[in-house]
N, C-alpha and C. Protein backbone atom coordinates (compact mmCIF):
# COMPACT_ATOMS: atom_id res chain seq x y z
N MET A 1 -13.51 -11.36 -4.32
CA MET A 1 -12.14 -10.91 -4.22
C MET A 1 -11.24 -11.95 -4.89
N LYS A 2 -10.21 -11.46 -5.53
CA LYS A 2 -9.23 -12.31 -6.19
C LYS A 2 -7.91 -12.23 -5.43
N VAL A 3 -7.26 -13.38 -5.28
CA VAL A 3 -5.98 -13.47 -4.57
C VAL A 3 -4.95 -14.07 -5.51
N ILE A 4 -3.77 -13.46 -5.53
CA ILE A 4 -2.66 -13.98 -6.33
C ILE A 4 -1.45 -14.08 -5.43
N ASN A 5 -0.85 -15.28 -5.38
CA ASN A 5 0.41 -15.50 -4.68
C ASN A 5 1.48 -15.77 -5.72
N VAL A 6 2.60 -15.11 -5.58
CA VAL A 6 3.71 -15.27 -6.52
C VAL A 6 4.95 -15.66 -5.72
N GLU A 7 5.44 -16.87 -5.95
CA GLU A 7 6.65 -17.35 -5.27
C GLU A 7 7.86 -17.06 -6.16
N LEU A 8 8.90 -16.46 -5.55
CA LEU A 8 10.08 -16.02 -6.29
C LEU A 8 11.34 -16.55 -5.62
N SER A 9 12.22 -17.13 -6.40
CA SER A 9 13.50 -17.63 -5.89
C SER A 9 14.61 -16.79 -6.51
N VAL A 10 15.29 -16.02 -5.68
CA VAL A 10 16.27 -15.03 -6.13
C VAL A 10 17.68 -15.64 -6.17
N ILE A 11 18.44 -15.23 -7.16
CA ILE A 11 19.83 -15.66 -7.30
C ILE A 11 20.61 -15.22 -6.07
N PRO A 12 21.31 -16.13 -5.40
CA PRO A 12 22.10 -15.76 -4.23
C PRO A 12 23.06 -14.61 -4.57
N GLY A 13 23.12 -13.64 -3.67
CA GLY A 13 23.97 -12.47 -3.86
C GLY A 13 23.25 -11.30 -4.51
N LYS A 14 22.06 -11.54 -5.03
CA LYS A 14 21.29 -10.47 -5.69
C LYS A 14 20.10 -9.99 -4.85
N GLN A 15 20.02 -10.43 -3.60
CA GLN A 15 18.86 -10.12 -2.79
C GLN A 15 18.65 -8.61 -2.60
N SER A 16 19.70 -7.87 -2.30
CA SER A 16 19.56 -6.42 -2.07
C SER A 16 19.10 -5.71 -3.33
N GLU A 17 19.70 -6.07 -4.45
CA GLU A 17 19.32 -5.47 -5.72
C GLU A 17 17.87 -5.83 -6.08
N TYR A 18 17.49 -7.07 -5.84
CA TYR A 18 16.12 -7.52 -6.08
C TYR A 18 15.14 -6.74 -5.20
N GLU A 19 15.44 -6.61 -3.92
CA GLU A 19 14.53 -5.92 -3.01
C GLU A 19 14.33 -4.47 -3.43
N ALA A 20 15.38 -3.80 -3.88
CA ALA A 20 15.25 -2.43 -4.38
C ALA A 20 14.36 -2.41 -5.62
N PHE A 21 14.54 -3.37 -6.49
CA PHE A 21 13.76 -3.47 -7.73
C PHE A 21 12.28 -3.69 -7.42
N ILE A 22 11.98 -4.56 -6.49
CA ILE A 22 10.60 -4.94 -6.21
C ILE A 22 9.83 -3.86 -5.45
N ASN A 23 10.55 -3.00 -4.72
CA ASN A 23 9.89 -1.97 -3.91
C ASN A 23 9.00 -1.05 -4.73
N GLU A 24 9.42 -0.69 -5.94
CA GLU A 24 8.60 0.18 -6.79
C GLU A 24 7.29 -0.51 -7.16
N LEU A 25 7.37 -1.78 -7.55
CA LEU A 25 6.17 -2.52 -7.89
C LEU A 25 5.19 -2.55 -6.73
N VAL A 26 5.69 -2.86 -5.55
CA VAL A 26 4.83 -2.98 -4.38
C VAL A 26 4.18 -1.64 -4.04
N SER A 27 4.97 -0.58 -3.95
CA SER A 27 4.41 0.72 -3.54
C SER A 27 3.42 1.26 -4.55
N LYS A 28 3.69 1.13 -5.84
CA LYS A 28 2.77 1.64 -6.85
C LYS A 28 1.53 0.76 -6.99
N SER A 29 1.68 -0.54 -6.82
CA SER A 29 0.52 -1.44 -6.91
C SER A 29 -0.46 -1.17 -5.78
N ARG A 30 0.03 -0.85 -4.61
CA ARG A 30 -0.84 -0.55 -3.47
C ARG A 30 -1.73 0.65 -3.72
N GLN A 31 -1.30 1.55 -4.60
CA GLN A 31 -2.05 2.77 -4.88
C GLN A 31 -3.12 2.59 -5.96
N GLU A 32 -3.15 1.45 -6.59
CA GLU A 32 -4.08 1.24 -7.71
C GLU A 32 -5.52 1.07 -7.25
N GLU A 33 -6.42 1.59 -8.08
CA GLU A 33 -7.84 1.38 -7.83
C GLU A 33 -8.13 -0.11 -7.95
N GLY A 34 -8.89 -0.64 -7.01
CA GLY A 34 -9.23 -2.05 -7.02
C GLY A 34 -8.26 -2.93 -6.26
N ASN A 35 -7.15 -2.35 -5.78
CA ASN A 35 -6.22 -3.12 -4.97
C ASN A 35 -6.67 -3.09 -3.51
N ILE A 36 -6.76 -4.25 -2.91
CA ILE A 36 -7.11 -4.35 -1.49
C ILE A 36 -5.85 -4.43 -0.65
N SER A 37 -4.90 -5.24 -1.08
CA SER A 37 -3.59 -5.29 -0.42
C SER A 37 -2.57 -5.86 -1.39
N TYR A 38 -1.31 -5.47 -1.18
CA TYR A 38 -0.22 -5.93 -2.03
C TYR A 38 1.01 -5.98 -1.16
N ASP A 39 1.44 -7.17 -0.80
CA ASP A 39 2.53 -7.31 0.16
C ASP A 39 3.63 -8.22 -0.38
N HIS A 40 4.83 -7.97 0.10
CA HIS A 40 6.02 -8.70 -0.31
C HIS A 40 6.69 -9.25 0.94
N PHE A 41 7.02 -10.53 0.94
CA PHE A 41 7.58 -11.19 2.11
C PHE A 41 8.84 -11.96 1.75
N LYS A 42 9.73 -12.07 2.72
CA LYS A 42 10.92 -12.91 2.59
C LYS A 42 10.71 -14.12 3.50
N ALA A 43 11.03 -15.30 3.01
CA ALA A 43 10.85 -16.53 3.79
C ALA A 43 11.69 -16.48 5.06
N THR A 44 11.17 -17.05 6.11
CA THR A 44 11.92 -17.08 7.37
C THR A 44 13.01 -18.14 7.37
N ASP A 45 12.90 -19.11 6.49
CA ASP A 45 13.86 -20.21 6.47
C ASP A 45 14.80 -20.17 5.27
N SER A 46 14.83 -19.04 4.55
CA SER A 46 15.66 -18.94 3.36
C SER A 46 16.02 -17.49 3.07
N ASP A 47 17.23 -17.25 2.62
CA ASP A 47 17.65 -15.90 2.26
C ASP A 47 17.31 -15.55 0.82
N VAL A 48 16.80 -16.51 0.05
CA VAL A 48 16.57 -16.27 -1.38
C VAL A 48 15.13 -16.50 -1.83
N ASN A 49 14.26 -16.90 -0.94
CA ASN A 49 12.87 -17.16 -1.32
C ASN A 49 11.95 -16.05 -0.81
N TYR A 50 11.14 -15.55 -1.74
CA TYR A 50 10.24 -14.43 -1.45
C TYR A 50 8.85 -14.78 -1.97
N GLU A 51 7.87 -14.00 -1.51
CA GLU A 51 6.51 -14.19 -2.00
C GLU A 51 5.79 -12.84 -2.05
N ILE A 52 5.06 -12.65 -3.12
CA ILE A 52 4.16 -11.51 -3.24
C ILE A 52 2.75 -12.06 -3.03
N ILE A 53 1.98 -11.42 -2.17
CA ILE A 53 0.59 -11.81 -1.94
C ILE A 53 -0.28 -10.60 -2.26
N GLU A 54 -1.15 -10.78 -3.26
CA GLU A 54 -1.98 -9.69 -3.77
C GLU A 54 -3.45 -10.00 -3.54
N HIS A 55 -4.21 -8.99 -3.16
CA HIS A 55 -5.67 -9.11 -3.04
C HIS A 55 -6.28 -8.00 -3.91
N TRP A 56 -7.14 -8.41 -4.83
CA TRP A 56 -7.76 -7.49 -5.77
C TRP A 56 -9.27 -7.59 -5.67
N GLN A 57 -9.93 -6.48 -5.96
CA GLN A 57 -11.38 -6.42 -5.90
C GLN A 57 -12.02 -7.38 -6.88
N ASP A 58 -11.48 -7.43 -8.12
CA ASP A 58 -12.08 -8.27 -9.15
C ASP A 58 -11.10 -8.44 -10.31
N GLU A 59 -11.52 -9.18 -11.33
CA GLU A 59 -10.66 -9.43 -12.50
C GLU A 59 -10.34 -8.14 -13.25
N ALA A 60 -11.27 -7.20 -13.27
CA ALA A 60 -11.02 -5.93 -13.95
C ALA A 60 -9.86 -5.18 -13.31
N ALA A 61 -9.76 -5.24 -11.99
CA ALA A 61 -8.65 -4.58 -11.29
C ALA A 61 -7.33 -5.25 -11.64
N ILE A 62 -7.34 -6.58 -11.76
CA ILE A 62 -6.12 -7.31 -12.14
C ILE A 62 -5.72 -6.95 -13.57
N ALA A 63 -6.69 -6.89 -14.46
CA ALA A 63 -6.40 -6.55 -15.85
C ALA A 63 -5.81 -5.14 -15.94
N SER A 64 -6.34 -4.23 -15.19
CA SER A 64 -5.81 -2.87 -15.17
C SER A 64 -4.38 -2.85 -14.63
N HIS A 65 -4.16 -3.59 -13.56
CA HIS A 65 -2.81 -3.70 -12.96
C HIS A 65 -1.82 -4.25 -13.98
N ASN A 66 -2.23 -5.27 -14.71
CA ASN A 66 -1.33 -5.90 -15.69
C ASN A 66 -0.90 -4.95 -16.80
N ASP A 67 -1.67 -3.89 -17.03
CA ASP A 67 -1.36 -2.92 -18.07
C ASP A 67 -0.54 -1.73 -17.57
N THR A 68 -0.28 -1.66 -16.26
CA THR A 68 0.44 -0.50 -15.73
C THR A 68 1.92 -0.52 -16.12
N GLU A 69 2.51 0.65 -16.14
CA GLU A 69 3.93 0.77 -16.47
C GLU A 69 4.81 0.04 -15.46
N HIS A 70 4.48 0.15 -14.16
CA HIS A 70 5.32 -0.50 -13.14
C HIS A 70 5.23 -2.02 -13.21
N PHE A 71 4.07 -2.57 -13.58
CA PHE A 71 3.98 -4.02 -13.72
C PHE A 71 4.74 -4.49 -14.96
N GLN A 72 4.64 -3.75 -16.04
CA GLN A 72 5.38 -4.11 -17.25
C GLN A 72 6.89 -4.02 -17.01
N LYS A 73 7.32 -3.05 -16.23
CA LYS A 73 8.75 -2.94 -15.86
C LYS A 73 9.17 -4.17 -15.05
N PHE A 74 8.30 -4.61 -14.14
CA PHE A 74 8.56 -5.82 -13.36
C PHE A 74 8.71 -7.03 -14.28
N LEU A 75 7.76 -7.21 -15.19
CA LEU A 75 7.81 -8.36 -16.10
C LEU A 75 9.09 -8.36 -16.93
N ASN A 76 9.49 -7.20 -17.40
CA ASN A 76 10.66 -7.09 -18.27
C ASN A 76 11.98 -7.26 -17.53
N GLY A 77 11.99 -7.00 -16.21
CA GLY A 77 13.25 -7.03 -15.47
C GLY A 77 13.42 -8.14 -14.46
N ILE A 78 12.35 -8.79 -14.06
CA ILE A 78 12.43 -9.77 -12.97
C ILE A 78 13.32 -10.95 -13.31
N GLY A 79 13.41 -11.33 -14.55
CA GLY A 79 14.23 -12.46 -14.95
C GLY A 79 15.70 -12.29 -14.60
N ASP A 80 16.16 -11.05 -14.45
CA ASP A 80 17.55 -10.79 -14.09
C ASP A 80 17.89 -11.23 -12.66
N PHE A 81 16.86 -11.47 -11.86
CA PHE A 81 17.06 -11.76 -10.44
C PHE A 81 16.71 -13.18 -10.02
N LEU A 82 16.07 -13.95 -10.89
CA LEU A 82 15.50 -15.23 -10.46
C LEU A 82 16.29 -16.45 -10.96
N THR A 83 16.24 -17.50 -10.15
CA THR A 83 16.86 -18.78 -10.52
C THR A 83 15.92 -19.64 -11.35
N SER A 84 14.60 -19.33 -11.29
CA SER A 84 13.60 -20.08 -12.04
C SER A 84 12.38 -19.18 -12.25
N ASP A 85 11.48 -19.62 -13.10
CA ASP A 85 10.26 -18.86 -13.34
C ASP A 85 9.46 -18.73 -12.05
N PRO A 86 8.78 -17.59 -11.87
CA PRO A 86 7.92 -17.45 -10.69
C PRO A 86 6.81 -18.50 -10.70
N VAL A 87 6.39 -18.92 -9.53
CA VAL A 87 5.24 -19.81 -9.38
C VAL A 87 4.06 -18.92 -9.01
N ILE A 88 3.03 -18.92 -9.86
CA ILE A 88 1.88 -18.04 -9.66
C ILE A 88 0.66 -18.89 -9.33
N ILE A 89 0.03 -18.55 -8.21
CA ILE A 89 -1.16 -19.26 -7.75
C ILE A 89 -2.30 -18.25 -7.68
N ARG A 90 -3.36 -18.51 -8.43
CA ARG A 90 -4.53 -17.61 -8.44
C ARG A 90 -5.70 -18.28 -7.72
N MET A 91 -6.38 -17.49 -6.87
CA MET A 91 -7.48 -18.03 -6.08
C MET A 91 -8.64 -17.04 -6.02
N ASP A 92 -9.81 -17.56 -5.79
CA ASP A 92 -10.99 -16.74 -5.49
C ASP A 92 -11.19 -16.79 -3.99
N ALA A 93 -11.51 -15.63 -3.41
CA ALA A 93 -11.84 -15.58 -1.99
C ALA A 93 -13.24 -15.01 -1.85
N GLU A 94 -13.98 -15.56 -0.98
CA GLU A 94 -15.36 -15.10 -0.77
C GLU A 94 -15.39 -14.07 0.31
């Protein structure tokens, strides 16, 4: 299993707009073949820090996800909401 954590820091005042934007990515990613889980969280100690935690069956599932329309829409639009580049952490889980 492959795990991807994505840390996102949102521009203050854009949280509601960001959350609406990210909902499509989360709901459509959960429906993909090879997806085990796809969750979005807001930090308990911050109004602007979020994290996406993804679990995928294998690298092929991730590659397929990266080619989807909803992921490409995310890549093209996420910069409008962030104060810095996302921090992406990739891991293998046994």
